[in-house]
Amino acid sequence: MANITRVLFIGNSFTARNDLPGLLAQLVHAGGKSKLECELISAGGASLRMHLNKGEAQTRLQASRWDYVVLQEQSTLPVKNPKRTGENIREFDAIIKAAQAQTVLYMTWARQNAPETQAALSETYTEVGREIGATVVPVGLAWRDCLESHPDIVLHDKDQSHPNLAGSYLAAYTFYATLFIGRSKSIPNIDIDLDAETVNALHEAALATARA
């Protein structure tokens, strides 16, 4: 019987768009070593502070057993106010640890018209992750590296902020490479509306970033 890993995602449309949790569950299933059960608490444009104030996340955390709890901050807050981001994550981390789960930080990407902000985004997530002992999934860095090495691949949606399907798939595969790759020797493939060349490039970017 496959192991069951339970993941609670807390975030906004950067997580919900194209069903990132569902894409990750498909990848884990295709890897053949585990079954992933995911739940998502999401609100458009929400910060982690909004989720803390609302209280649904705390209730859901205490109601079930979770292996990982993924935190995704409002997309520009780690750049504009890293101090507040750190406070929000630390407060959530205490609740997550009390529930005997592991905190995972979802490092997001820079907006298409402001690629220079990726450094600040990455630094905020990396520093607070190191401080609290959380796993940081370096999606933003995988996006940066993919856009640099494959400028023909588009990851942003038309609003220059949200992910298109390729962007969400790269995010999902970076999660897979960071959290589950040790359980599978082969690269899993799922049925997705992307050409094989693009999928291979996304795999390479995710794997290289996760290993680095």
N, C-alpha and C. Protein backbone atom coordinates (compact mmCIF):
# COMPACT_ATOMS: atom_id res chain seq x y z
N MET A 1 0.85 -1.20 0.00
CA MET A 1 0.00 0.00 0.00
C MET A 1 0.88 1.25 0.00
N ALA A 2 0.55 2.21 -0.82
CA ALA A 2 1.35 3.43 -0.92
C ALA A 2 1.25 4.25 0.36
N ASN A 3 2.32 4.92 0.70
CA ASN A 3 2.28 5.85 1.81
C ASN A 3 1.38 7.02 1.46
N ILE A 4 0.69 7.55 2.45
CA ILE A 4 -0.16 8.72 2.24
C ILE A 4 0.50 9.92 2.91
N THR A 5 0.79 10.94 2.12
CA THR A 5 1.35 12.19 2.64
C THR A 5 0.26 13.24 2.55
N ARG A 6 0.02 13.95 3.66
CA ARG A 6 -1.06 14.94 3.70
C ARG A 6 -0.46 16.34 3.75
N VAL A 7 -0.91 17.20 2.84
CA VAL A 7 -0.36 18.55 2.72
C VAL A 7 -1.49 19.57 2.75
N LEU A 8 -1.34 20.56 3.62
CA LEU A 8 -2.27 21.68 3.67
C LEU A 8 -1.59 22.90 3.06
N PHE A 9 -2.17 23.46 2.01
CA PHE A 9 -1.65 24.67 1.37
C PHE A 9 -2.43 25.88 1.89
N ILE A 10 -1.71 26.92 2.28
CA ILE A 10 -2.32 28.16 2.75
C ILE A 10 -1.76 29.30 1.90
N GLY A 11 -2.60 29.98 1.14
CA GLY A 11 -2.08 31.03 0.26
C GLY A 11 -3.19 31.76 -0.47
N ASN A 12 -2.90 32.11 -1.72
CA ASN A 12 -3.87 32.85 -2.52
C ASN A 12 -3.86 32.31 -3.95
N SER A 13 -4.18 33.16 -4.91
CA SER A 13 -4.33 32.70 -6.29
C SER A 13 -3.03 32.21 -6.91
N PHE A 14 -1.87 32.55 -6.35
CA PHE A 14 -0.61 32.01 -6.86
C PHE A 14 -0.54 30.50 -6.62
N THR A 15 -1.24 30.03 -5.60
CA THR A 15 -1.33 28.59 -5.33
C THR A 15 -2.54 27.97 -6.02
N ALA A 16 -3.65 28.70 -6.03
CA ALA A 16 -4.91 28.15 -6.55
C ALA A 16 -4.94 28.09 -8.08
N ARG A 17 -4.31 29.05 -8.75
CA ARG A 17 -4.37 29.12 -10.22
C ARG A 17 -3.82 27.83 -10.83
N ASN A 18 -4.56 27.25 -11.74
CA ASN A 18 -4.19 25.99 -12.41
C ASN A 18 -4.05 24.81 -11.45
N ASP A 19 -4.57 24.98 -10.21
CA ASP A 19 -4.60 23.90 -9.22
C ASP A 19 -3.21 23.30 -8.97
N LEU A 20 -2.31 24.12 -8.43
CA LEU A 20 -0.97 23.64 -8.08
C LEU A 20 -1.01 22.40 -7.18
N PRO A 21 -1.84 22.37 -6.11
CA PRO A 21 -1.87 21.16 -5.28
C PRO A 21 -2.26 19.92 -6.09
N GLY A 22 -3.22 20.06 -7.00
CA GLY A 22 -3.63 18.94 -7.83
C GLY A 22 -2.53 18.46 -8.77
N LEU A 23 -1.79 19.41 -9.35
CA LEU A 23 -0.66 19.04 -10.22
C LEU A 23 0.39 18.28 -9.43
N LEU A 24 0.68 18.74 -8.21
CA LEU A 24 1.67 18.05 -7.38
C LEU A 24 1.18 16.65 -7.02
N ALA A 25 -0.10 16.51 -6.69
CA ALA A 25 -0.65 15.19 -6.35
C ALA A 25 -0.52 14.24 -7.53
N GLN A 26 -0.75 14.74 -8.75
CA GLN A 26 -0.59 13.89 -9.94
C GLN A 26 0.86 13.44 -10.11
N LEU A 27 1.80 14.36 -9.88
CA LEU A 27 3.22 14.01 -10.02
C LEU A 27 3.63 12.96 -9.00
N VAL A 28 3.19 13.13 -7.76
CA VAL A 28 3.54 12.17 -6.71
C VAL A 28 2.93 10.80 -7.03
N HIS A 29 1.70 10.79 -7.49
CA HIS A 29 1.05 9.53 -7.87
C HIS A 29 1.80 8.87 -9.03
N ALA A 30 2.20 9.68 -10.03
CA ALA A 30 2.93 9.14 -11.18
C ALA A 30 4.30 8.60 -10.76
N GLY A 31 4.88 9.20 -9.71
CA GLY A 31 6.16 8.71 -9.18
C GLY A 31 6.04 7.34 -8.55
N GLY A 32 4.82 6.98 -8.13
CA GLY A 32 4.52 5.62 -7.72
C GLY A 32 4.89 5.22 -6.32
N LYS A 33 5.45 6.14 -5.53
CA LYS A 33 5.91 5.77 -4.19
C LYS A 33 4.99 6.25 -3.07
N SER A 34 4.07 7.12 -3.40
CA SER A 34 3.27 7.74 -2.35
C SER A 34 1.97 8.25 -2.93
N LYS A 35 1.01 8.47 -2.07
CA LYS A 35 -0.23 9.12 -2.46
C LYS A 35 -0.30 10.45 -1.70
N LEU A 36 -0.66 11.49 -2.42
CA LEU A 36 -0.71 12.81 -1.81
C LEU A 36 -2.16 13.24 -1.63
N GLU A 37 -2.50 13.59 -0.41
CA GLU A 37 -3.81 14.17 -0.12
C GLU A 37 -3.59 15.64 0.21
N CYS A 38 -4.18 16.52 -0.60
CA CYS A 38 -3.97 17.96 -0.44
C CYS A 38 -5.28 18.68 -0.11
N GLU A 39 -5.17 19.70 0.69
CA GLU A 39 -6.27 20.63 0.90
C GLU A 39 -5.70 22.04 0.75
N LEU A 40 -6.55 22.96 0.32
CA LEU A 40 -6.12 24.33 0.05
C LEU A 40 -7.03 25.32 0.76
N ILE A 41 -6.40 26.24 1.48
CA ILE A 41 -7.11 27.40 2.03
C ILE A 41 -6.59 28.61 1.27
N SER A 42 -7.46 29.23 0.48
CA SER A 42 -7.02 30.30 -0.42
C SER A 42 -8.04 31.41 -0.48
N ALA A 43 -7.54 32.63 -0.57
CA ALA A 43 -8.39 33.80 -0.82
C ALA A 43 -7.61 34.73 -1.73
N GLY A 44 -8.30 35.35 -2.69
CA GLY A 44 -7.63 36.21 -3.65
C GLY A 44 -6.85 37.33 -2.99
N GLY A 45 -5.57 37.44 -3.31
CA GLY A 45 -4.72 38.50 -2.79
C GLY A 45 -4.39 38.40 -1.31
N ALA A 46 -4.74 37.28 -0.68
CA ALA A 46 -4.59 37.17 0.78
C ALA A 46 -3.12 37.14 1.20
N SER A 47 -2.85 37.78 2.31
CA SER A 47 -1.56 37.65 2.99
C SER A 47 -1.71 36.57 4.07
N LEU A 48 -0.59 36.11 4.58
CA LEU A 48 -0.64 35.15 5.69
C LEU A 48 -1.28 35.78 6.92
N ARG A 49 -1.12 37.07 7.10
CA ARG A 49 -1.76 37.76 8.23
C ARG A 49 -3.28 37.67 8.12
N MET A 50 -3.81 37.82 6.92
CA MET A 50 -5.26 37.69 6.72
C MET A 50 -5.73 36.30 7.11
N HIS A 51 -4.96 35.29 6.74
CA HIS A 51 -5.32 33.91 7.11
C HIS A 51 -5.24 33.72 8.62
N LEU A 52 -4.22 34.28 9.25
CA LEU A 52 -4.11 34.17 10.71
C LEU A 52 -5.31 34.82 11.41
N ASN A 53 -5.69 36.00 10.91
CA ASN A 53 -6.80 36.72 11.52
C ASN A 53 -8.14 36.01 11.32
N LYS A 54 -8.28 35.37 10.16
CA LYS A 54 -9.54 34.68 9.84
C LYS A 54 -9.74 33.44 10.71
N GLY A 55 -8.66 32.70 10.96
CA GLY A 55 -8.74 31.57 11.88
C GLY A 55 -9.06 30.21 11.26
N GLU A 56 -9.46 30.18 9.99
CA GLU A 56 -9.80 28.89 9.37
C GLU A 56 -8.60 27.95 9.33
N ALA A 57 -7.42 28.50 9.06
CA ALA A 57 -6.23 27.66 8.96
C ALA A 57 -5.93 26.97 10.29
N GLN A 58 -6.04 27.71 11.39
CA GLN A 58 -5.79 27.11 12.69
C GLN A 58 -6.78 25.99 12.97
N THR A 59 -8.05 26.22 12.63
CA THR A 59 -9.07 25.19 12.86
C THR A 59 -8.78 23.95 12.05
N ARG A 60 -8.43 24.12 10.77
CA ARG A 60 -8.15 22.99 9.89
C ARG A 60 -6.89 22.24 10.34
N LEU A 61 -5.90 22.99 10.83
CA LEU A 61 -4.67 22.38 11.30
C LEU A 61 -4.93 21.46 12.49
N GLN A 62 -5.80 21.89 13.37
CA GLN A 62 -6.06 21.12 14.58
C GLN A 62 -7.04 19.97 14.35
N ALA A 63 -7.79 20.02 13.24
CA ALA A 63 -8.83 19.03 12.99
C ALA A 63 -8.31 17.75 12.36
N SER A 64 -7.14 17.82 11.71
CA SER A 64 -6.61 16.66 11.00
C SER A 64 -5.11 16.53 11.22
N ARG A 65 -4.58 15.37 10.80
CA ARG A 65 -3.13 15.17 10.83
C ARG A 65 -2.56 15.65 9.50
N TRP A 66 -1.47 16.41 9.59
CA TRP A 66 -0.80 16.92 8.38
C TRP A 66 0.67 16.58 8.46
N ASP A 67 1.26 16.25 7.30
CA ASP A 67 2.71 16.07 7.23
C ASP A 67 3.39 17.40 6.94
N TYR A 68 2.88 18.12 5.94
CA TYR A 68 3.45 19.41 5.55
C TYR A 68 2.35 20.47 5.53
N VAL A 69 2.73 21.68 5.91
CA VAL A 69 1.85 22.83 5.74
C VAL A 69 2.62 23.87 4.93
N VAL A 70 2.11 24.18 3.75
CA VAL A 70 2.79 25.07 2.81
C VAL A 70 2.26 26.49 2.99
N LEU A 71 3.16 27.43 3.26
CA LEU A 71 2.80 28.83 3.43
C LEU A 71 3.22 29.64 2.22
N GLN A 72 2.28 30.35 1.62
CA GLN A 72 2.56 31.24 0.48
C GLN A 72 2.10 32.64 0.84
N GLU A 73 3.07 33.54 1.02
CA GLU A 73 2.77 34.92 1.38
C GLU A 73 2.24 35.70 0.19
N GLN A 74 1.55 36.78 0.44
CA GLN A 74 1.12 37.69 -0.63
C GLN A 74 2.35 38.02 -1.48
N SER A 75 2.18 38.07 -2.79
CA SER A 75 3.32 37.97 -3.71
C SER A 75 4.35 39.08 -3.61
N THR A 76 3.95 40.29 -3.24
CA THR A 76 4.93 41.39 -3.18
C THR A 76 5.35 41.75 -1.75
N LEU A 77 4.69 41.18 -0.75
CA LEU A 77 5.00 41.55 0.64
C LEU A 77 6.44 41.20 1.04
N PRO A 78 7.01 40.07 0.61
CA PRO A 78 8.40 39.78 0.98
C PRO A 78 9.39 40.81 0.46
N VAL A 79 9.01 41.54 -0.60
CA VAL A 79 9.86 42.61 -1.14
C VAL A 79 9.58 43.92 -0.41
N LYS A 80 8.30 44.24 -0.25
CA LYS A 80 7.92 45.53 0.33
C LYS A 80 8.09 45.57 1.84
N ASN A 81 7.85 44.44 2.51
CA ASN A 81 7.92 44.43 3.97
C ASN A 81 8.39 43.06 4.46
N PRO A 82 9.69 42.77 4.30
CA PRO A 82 10.21 41.48 4.74
C PRO A 82 10.04 41.23 6.22
N LYS A 83 10.05 42.30 7.02
CA LYS A 83 9.88 42.15 8.47
C LYS A 83 8.49 41.59 8.78
N ARG A 84 7.47 42.14 8.14
CA ARG A 84 6.11 41.66 8.36
C ARG A 84 5.95 40.21 7.87
N THR A 85 6.56 39.92 6.71
CA THR A 85 6.52 38.55 6.20
C THR A 85 7.11 37.58 7.21
N GLY A 86 8.26 37.94 7.76
CA GLY A 86 8.89 37.08 8.77
C GLY A 86 8.01 36.88 9.99
N GLU A 87 7.37 37.94 10.44
CA GLU A 87 6.47 37.83 11.60
C GLU A 87 5.31 36.88 11.31
N ASN A 88 4.72 37.03 10.12
CA ASN A 88 3.59 36.18 9.74
C ASN A 88 3.99 34.71 9.70
N ILE A 89 5.14 34.44 9.08
CA ILE A 89 5.60 33.06 8.95
C ILE A 89 5.95 32.47 10.31
N ARG A 90 6.62 33.24 11.16
CA ARG A 90 6.99 32.72 12.49
C ARG A 90 5.75 32.40 13.31
N GLU A 91 4.72 33.25 13.22
CA GLU A 91 3.50 32.99 13.97
C GLU A 91 2.81 31.72 13.48
N PHE A 92 2.76 31.55 12.18
CA PHE A 92 2.18 30.33 11.62
C PHE A 92 3.02 29.11 11.99
N ASP A 93 4.33 29.25 11.94
CA ASP A 93 5.22 28.12 12.22
C ASP A 93 5.00 27.57 13.62
N ALA A 94 4.77 28.44 14.58
CA ALA A 94 4.51 27.98 15.95
C ALA A 94 3.24 27.13 16.01
N ILE A 95 2.21 27.55 15.28
CA ILE A 95 0.95 26.80 15.24
C ILE A 95 1.14 25.47 14.53
N ILE A 96 1.92 25.49 13.45
CA ILE A 96 2.18 24.27 12.68
C ILE A 96 2.97 23.27 13.52
N LYS A 97 3.99 23.73 14.22
CA LYS A 97 4.79 22.84 15.06
C LYS A 97 3.96 22.26 16.20
N ALA A 98 3.06 23.07 16.75
CA ALA A 98 2.17 22.58 17.80
C ALA A 98 1.27 21.46 17.30
N ALA A 99 0.96 21.49 16.00
CA ALA A 99 0.14 20.45 15.38
C ALA A 99 1.00 19.28 14.89
N GLN A 100 2.31 19.33 15.18
CA GLN A 100 3.26 18.26 14.83
C GLN A 100 3.37 18.05 13.32
N ALA A 101 3.30 19.15 12.59
CA ALA A 101 3.50 19.13 11.14
C ALA A 101 4.78 19.90 10.81
N GLN A 102 5.17 19.85 9.55
CA GLN A 102 6.41 20.51 9.10
C GLN A 102 6.07 21.69 8.22
N THR A 103 6.68 22.82 8.50
CA THR A 103 6.44 24.04 7.73
C THR A 103 7.24 24.00 6.42
N VAL A 104 6.56 24.33 5.33
CA VAL A 104 7.20 24.44 4.02
C VAL A 104 6.88 25.83 3.48
N LEU A 105 7.89 26.54 3.00
CA LEU A 105 7.69 27.88 2.47
C LEU A 105 7.73 27.86 0.95
N TYR A 106 6.71 28.43 0.35
CA TYR A 106 6.56 28.49 -1.10
C TYR A 106 7.12 29.82 -1.59
N MET A 107 8.40 29.79 -1.99
CA MET A 107 9.05 30.98 -2.53
C MET A 107 8.48 31.27 -3.92
N THR A 108 7.80 32.40 -4.07
CA THR A 108 7.18 32.73 -5.35
C THR A 108 8.14 33.52 -6.23
N TRP A 109 7.63 34.03 -7.33
CA TRP A 109 8.46 34.62 -8.39
C TRP A 109 8.21 36.12 -8.51
N ALA A 110 9.12 36.79 -9.20
CA ALA A 110 8.97 38.21 -9.47
C ALA A 110 7.95 38.44 -10.59
N ARG A 111 7.32 39.58 -10.56
CA ARG A 111 6.41 39.94 -11.65
C ARG A 111 7.22 40.14 -12.94
N GLN A 112 6.55 39.96 -14.04
CA GLN A 112 7.25 39.94 -15.33
C GLN A 112 7.95 41.27 -15.61
N ASN A 113 7.37 42.37 -15.14
CA ASN A 113 7.97 43.69 -15.41
C ASN A 113 8.93 44.13 -14.31
N ALA A 114 9.21 43.26 -13.33
CA ALA A 114 10.12 43.63 -12.24
C ALA A 114 11.00 42.44 -11.83
N PRO A 115 11.74 41.85 -12.78
CA PRO A 115 12.54 40.65 -12.46
C PRO A 115 13.60 40.91 -11.40
N GLU A 116 14.00 42.18 -11.24
CA GLU A 116 15.04 42.50 -10.27
C GLU A 116 14.59 42.26 -8.82
N THR A 117 13.28 42.12 -8.59
CA THR A 117 12.80 41.91 -7.22
C THR A 117 12.97 40.47 -6.75
N GLN A 118 13.37 39.57 -7.65
CA GLN A 118 13.51 38.16 -7.24
C GLN A 118 14.55 38.00 -6.14
N ALA A 119 15.60 38.78 -6.17
CA ALA A 119 16.65 38.64 -5.15
C ALA A 119 16.09 38.90 -3.75
N ALA A 120 15.29 39.95 -3.61
CA ALA A 120 14.70 40.26 -2.30
C ALA A 120 13.67 39.21 -1.89
N LEU A 121 12.86 38.76 -2.85
CA LEU A 121 11.90 37.70 -2.58
C LEU A 121 12.61 36.45 -2.06
N SER A 122 13.64 36.04 -2.77
CA SER A 122 14.37 34.82 -2.40
C SER A 122 15.03 34.96 -1.04
N GLU A 123 15.63 36.12 -0.79
CA GLU A 123 16.33 36.34 0.47
C GLU A 123 15.38 36.28 1.66
N THR A 124 14.20 36.88 1.52
CA THR A 124 13.24 36.88 2.62
C THR A 124 12.83 35.46 2.99
N TYR A 125 12.44 34.68 1.98
CA TYR A 125 12.02 33.31 2.26
C TYR A 125 13.17 32.46 2.79
N THR A 126 14.36 32.62 2.20
CA THR A 126 15.50 31.79 2.60
C THR A 126 15.92 32.09 4.04
N GLU A 127 15.95 33.37 4.40
CA GLU A 127 16.41 33.73 5.75
C GLU A 127 15.44 33.26 6.82
N VAL A 128 14.16 33.49 6.63
CA VAL A 128 13.20 33.06 7.65
C VAL A 128 13.10 31.54 7.67
N GLY A 129 13.24 30.90 6.50
CA GLY A 129 13.23 29.45 6.47
C GLY A 129 14.39 28.85 7.26
N ARG A 130 15.55 29.44 7.09
CA ARG A 130 16.73 28.98 7.84
C ARG A 130 16.53 29.18 9.33
N GLU A 131 15.96 30.32 9.69
CA GLU A 131 15.76 30.65 11.11
C GLU A 131 14.83 29.66 11.80
N ILE A 132 13.75 29.26 11.15
CA ILE A 132 12.75 28.39 11.80
C ILE A 132 12.93 26.92 11.45
N GLY A 133 13.90 26.61 10.59
CA GLY A 133 14.13 25.23 10.21
C GLY A 133 13.09 24.67 9.25
N ALA A 134 12.56 25.54 8.39
CA ALA A 134 11.55 25.12 7.42
C ALA A 134 12.21 24.73 6.10
N THR A 135 11.52 23.91 5.33
CA THR A 135 11.94 23.61 3.97
C THR A 135 11.45 24.73 3.06
N VAL A 136 12.36 25.31 2.29
CA VAL A 136 11.98 26.35 1.33
C VAL A 136 11.96 25.73 -0.06
N VAL A 137 10.82 25.82 -0.73
CA VAL A 137 10.70 25.31 -2.10
C VAL A 137 11.00 26.48 -3.04
N PRO A 138 12.14 26.44 -3.75
CA PRO A 138 12.65 27.62 -4.46
C PRO A 138 12.01 27.83 -5.84
N VAL A 139 10.69 27.94 -5.86
CA VAL A 139 9.98 28.09 -7.13
C VAL A 139 10.44 29.35 -7.87
N GLY A 140 10.57 30.46 -7.15
CA GLY A 140 10.97 31.71 -7.79
C GLY A 140 12.32 31.61 -8.47
N LEU A 141 13.25 30.88 -7.86
CA LEU A 141 14.56 30.70 -8.47
C LEU A 141 14.48 29.79 -9.69
N ALA A 142 13.61 28.77 -9.63
CA ALA A 142 13.42 27.91 -10.80
C ALA A 142 12.84 28.71 -11.95
N TRP A 143 11.89 29.59 -11.64
CA TRP A 143 11.34 30.49 -12.68
C TRP A 143 12.42 31.36 -13.26
N ARG A 144 13.23 31.99 -12.40
CA ARG A 144 14.30 32.89 -12.87
C ARG A 144 15.25 32.14 -13.79
N ASP A 145 15.69 30.95 -13.37
CA ASP A 145 16.66 30.20 -14.16
C ASP A 145 16.06 29.72 -15.47
N CYS A 146 14.79 29.31 -15.43
CA CYS A 146 14.13 28.85 -16.66
C CYS A 146 13.97 29.99 -17.66
N LEU A 147 13.57 31.17 -17.16
CA LEU A 147 13.39 32.31 -18.05
C LEU A 147 14.71 32.77 -18.65
N GLU A 148 15.81 32.62 -17.89
CA GLU A 148 17.12 33.00 -18.41
C GLU A 148 17.63 32.00 -19.45
N SER A 149 17.43 30.72 -19.21
CA SER A 149 17.98 29.69 -20.11
C SER A 149 17.04 29.37 -21.28
N HIS A 150 15.74 29.67 -21.11
CA HIS A 150 14.75 29.40 -22.16
C HIS A 150 13.85 30.63 -22.34
N PRO A 151 14.38 31.71 -22.89
CA PRO A 151 13.59 32.94 -23.03
C PRO A 151 12.35 32.78 -23.92
N ASP A 152 12.29 31.68 -24.66
CA ASP A 152 11.13 31.42 -25.50
C ASP A 152 9.95 30.87 -24.71
N ILE A 153 10.20 30.37 -23.50
CA ILE A 153 9.13 29.81 -22.67
C ILE A 153 8.48 30.92 -21.85
N VAL A 154 7.18 31.01 -21.91
CA VAL A 154 6.41 32.01 -21.15
C VAL A 154 5.84 31.33 -19.92
N LEU A 155 6.08 31.92 -18.75
CA LEU A 155 5.58 31.36 -17.49
C LEU A 155 4.49 32.22 -16.86
N HIS A 156 4.54 33.53 -17.12
CA HIS A 156 3.53 34.44 -16.58
C HIS A 156 2.27 34.42 -17.43
N ASP A 157 1.14 34.66 -16.77
CA ASP A 157 -0.11 34.85 -17.49
C ASP A 157 -0.11 36.26 -18.08
N LYS A 158 -1.19 36.62 -18.77
CA LYS A 158 -1.25 37.91 -19.46
C LYS A 158 -1.19 39.10 -18.51
N ASP A 159 -1.54 38.89 -17.23
CA ASP A 159 -1.49 39.99 -16.26
C ASP A 159 -0.07 40.25 -15.76
N GLN A 160 0.92 39.47 -16.24
CA GLN A 160 2.34 39.60 -15.88
C GLN A 160 2.62 39.29 -14.41
N SER A 161 1.68 38.67 -13.74
CA SER A 161 1.81 38.37 -12.32
C SER A 161 1.55 36.90 -12.04
N HIS A 162 0.34 36.44 -12.39
CA HIS A 162 -0.04 35.06 -12.10
C HIS A 162 0.66 34.08 -13.04
N PRO A 163 0.68 32.79 -12.67
CA PRO A 163 1.28 31.79 -13.55
C PRO A 163 0.32 31.33 -14.63
N ASN A 164 0.85 31.08 -15.83
CA ASN A 164 0.08 30.32 -16.81
C ASN A 164 0.27 28.84 -16.48
N LEU A 165 -0.20 27.95 -17.32
CA LEU A 165 -0.09 26.52 -17.01
C LEU A 165 1.36 26.07 -16.89
N ALA A 166 2.22 26.56 -17.78
CA ALA A 166 3.64 26.19 -17.70
C ALA A 166 4.25 26.67 -16.38
N GLY A 167 3.87 27.88 -15.96
CA GLY A 167 4.39 28.41 -14.70
C GLY A 167 3.95 27.59 -13.51
N SER A 168 2.68 27.19 -13.50
CA SER A 168 2.18 26.37 -12.39
C SER A 168 2.80 24.98 -12.41
N TYR A 169 3.01 24.44 -13.62
CA TYR A 169 3.64 23.12 -13.70
C TYR A 169 5.08 23.18 -13.21
N LEU A 170 5.80 24.24 -13.56
CA LEU A 170 7.16 24.40 -13.05
C LEU A 170 7.15 24.51 -11.53
N ALA A 171 6.19 25.23 -10.99
CA ALA A 171 6.06 25.33 -9.53
C ALA A 171 5.82 23.95 -8.92
N ALA A 172 4.87 23.21 -9.51
CA ALA A 172 4.54 21.88 -8.98
C ALA A 172 5.75 20.95 -9.05
N TYR A 173 6.48 21.02 -10.17
CA TYR A 173 7.62 20.12 -10.30
C TYR A 173 8.76 20.52 -9.35
N THR A 174 8.88 21.80 -9.04
CA THR A 174 9.88 22.22 -8.06
C THR A 174 9.51 21.71 -6.67
N PHE A 175 8.21 21.71 -6.36
CA PHE A 175 7.76 21.09 -5.11
C PHE A 175 8.10 19.60 -5.11
N TYR A 176 7.81 18.94 -6.22
CA TYR A 176 8.09 17.50 -6.31
C TYR A 176 9.59 17.23 -6.13
N ALA A 177 10.41 18.01 -6.82
CA ALA A 177 11.87 17.80 -6.75
C ALA A 177 12.41 18.08 -5.36
N THR A 178 11.80 19.02 -4.65
CA THR A 178 12.28 19.38 -3.31
C THR A 178 11.82 18.40 -2.24
N LEU A 179 10.57 17.97 -2.32
CA LEU A 179 9.99 17.18 -1.23
C LEU A 179 9.95 15.68 -1.48
N PHE A 180 9.90 15.26 -2.76
CA PHE A 180 9.61 13.85 -3.04
C PHE A 180 10.60 13.15 -3.95
N ILE A 181 11.57 13.85 -4.51
CA ILE A 181 12.41 13.25 -5.54
C ILE A 181 13.18 12.05 -5.01
N GLY A 182 13.51 12.03 -3.73
CA GLY A 182 14.25 10.91 -3.15
C GLY A 182 13.49 9.60 -3.17
N ARG A 183 12.16 9.69 -3.35
CA ARG A 183 11.35 8.48 -3.35
C ARG A 183 11.16 7.90 -4.76
N SER A 184 11.70 8.55 -5.76
CA SER A 184 11.50 8.09 -7.13
C SER A 184 12.77 8.28 -7.94
N LYS A 185 13.16 7.25 -8.67
CA LYS A 185 14.37 7.33 -9.48
C LYS A 185 14.08 7.90 -10.87
N SER A 186 12.83 7.87 -11.28
CA SER A 186 12.50 8.33 -12.62
C SER A 186 11.73 9.65 -12.56
N ILE A 187 11.74 10.37 -13.66
CA ILE A 187 10.98 11.61 -13.76
C ILE A 187 9.54 11.25 -14.15
N PRO A 188 8.58 11.54 -13.26
CA PRO A 188 7.20 11.19 -13.61
C PRO A 188 6.64 12.15 -14.66
N ASN A 189 5.80 11.62 -15.50
CA ASN A 189 5.11 12.44 -16.48
C ASN A 189 3.61 12.34 -16.26
N ILE A 190 2.93 13.46 -16.38
CA ILE A 190 1.49 13.47 -16.23
C ILE A 190 0.87 14.05 -17.50
N ASP A 191 -0.41 13.82 -17.67
CA ASP A 191 -1.11 14.31 -18.85
C ASP A 191 -1.38 15.80 -18.67
N ILE A 192 -0.67 16.62 -19.43
CA ILE A 192 -0.79 18.07 -19.28
C ILE A 192 -0.70 18.72 -20.66
N ASP A 193 -1.38 19.81 -20.85
CA ASP A 193 -1.49 20.46 -22.16
C ASP A 193 -0.27 21.34 -22.45
N LEU A 194 0.91 20.71 -22.47
CA LEU A 194 2.17 21.38 -22.80
C LEU A 194 2.96 20.45 -23.71
N ASP A 195 3.73 21.02 -24.65
CA ASP A 195 4.50 20.17 -25.55
C ASP A 195 5.69 19.55 -24.81
N ALA A 196 6.17 18.43 -25.33
CA ALA A 196 7.20 17.65 -24.66
C ALA A 196 8.48 18.44 -24.45
N GLU A 197 8.85 19.27 -25.41
CA GLU A 197 10.08 20.07 -25.28
C GLU A 197 9.98 21.04 -24.11
N THR A 198 8.83 21.68 -23.96
CA THR A 198 8.62 22.60 -22.84
C THR A 198 8.65 21.85 -21.51
N VAL A 199 7.97 20.72 -21.45
CA VAL A 199 7.94 19.92 -20.22
C VAL A 199 9.35 19.52 -19.82
N ASN A 200 10.17 19.07 -20.77
CA ASN A 200 11.54 18.68 -20.46
C ASN A 200 12.35 19.86 -19.93
N ALA A 201 12.16 21.03 -20.52
CA ALA A 201 12.87 22.23 -20.04
C ALA A 201 12.45 22.59 -18.62
N LEU A 202 11.16 22.46 -18.33
CA LEU A 202 10.66 22.75 -16.99
C LEU A 202 11.20 21.75 -15.98
N HIS A 203 11.25 20.47 -16.37
CA HIS A 203 11.84 19.45 -15.49
C HIS A 203 13.29 19.80 -15.17
N GLU A 204 14.05 20.15 -16.19
CA GLU A 204 15.48 20.46 -16.00
C GLU A 204 15.67 21.64 -15.06
N ALA A 205 14.86 22.70 -15.25
CA ALA A 205 14.97 23.88 -14.41
C ALA A 205 14.64 23.56 -12.96
N ALA A 206 13.57 22.80 -12.76
CA ALA A 206 13.15 22.45 -11.40
C ALA A 206 14.21 21.60 -10.70
N LEU A 207 14.70 20.59 -11.40
CA LEU A 207 15.68 19.68 -10.80
C LEU A 207 16.98 20.39 -10.48
N ALA A 208 17.45 21.21 -11.42
CA ALA A 208 18.72 21.93 -11.19
C ALA A 208 18.61 22.89 -10.01
N THR A 209 17.48 23.58 -9.92
CA THR A 209 17.30 24.54 -8.84
C THR A 209 17.18 23.83 -7.50
N ALA A 210 16.40 22.76 -7.45
CA ALA A 210 16.22 22.03 -6.19
C ALA A 210 17.54 21.43 -5.70
N ARG A 211 18.34 20.92 -6.63
CA ARG A 211 19.62 20.31 -6.24
C ARG A 211 20.61 21.37 -5.76
N ALA A 212 20.52 22.57 -6.34
CA ALA A 212 21.44 23.64 -5.94
C ALA A 212 21.10 24.17 -4.57
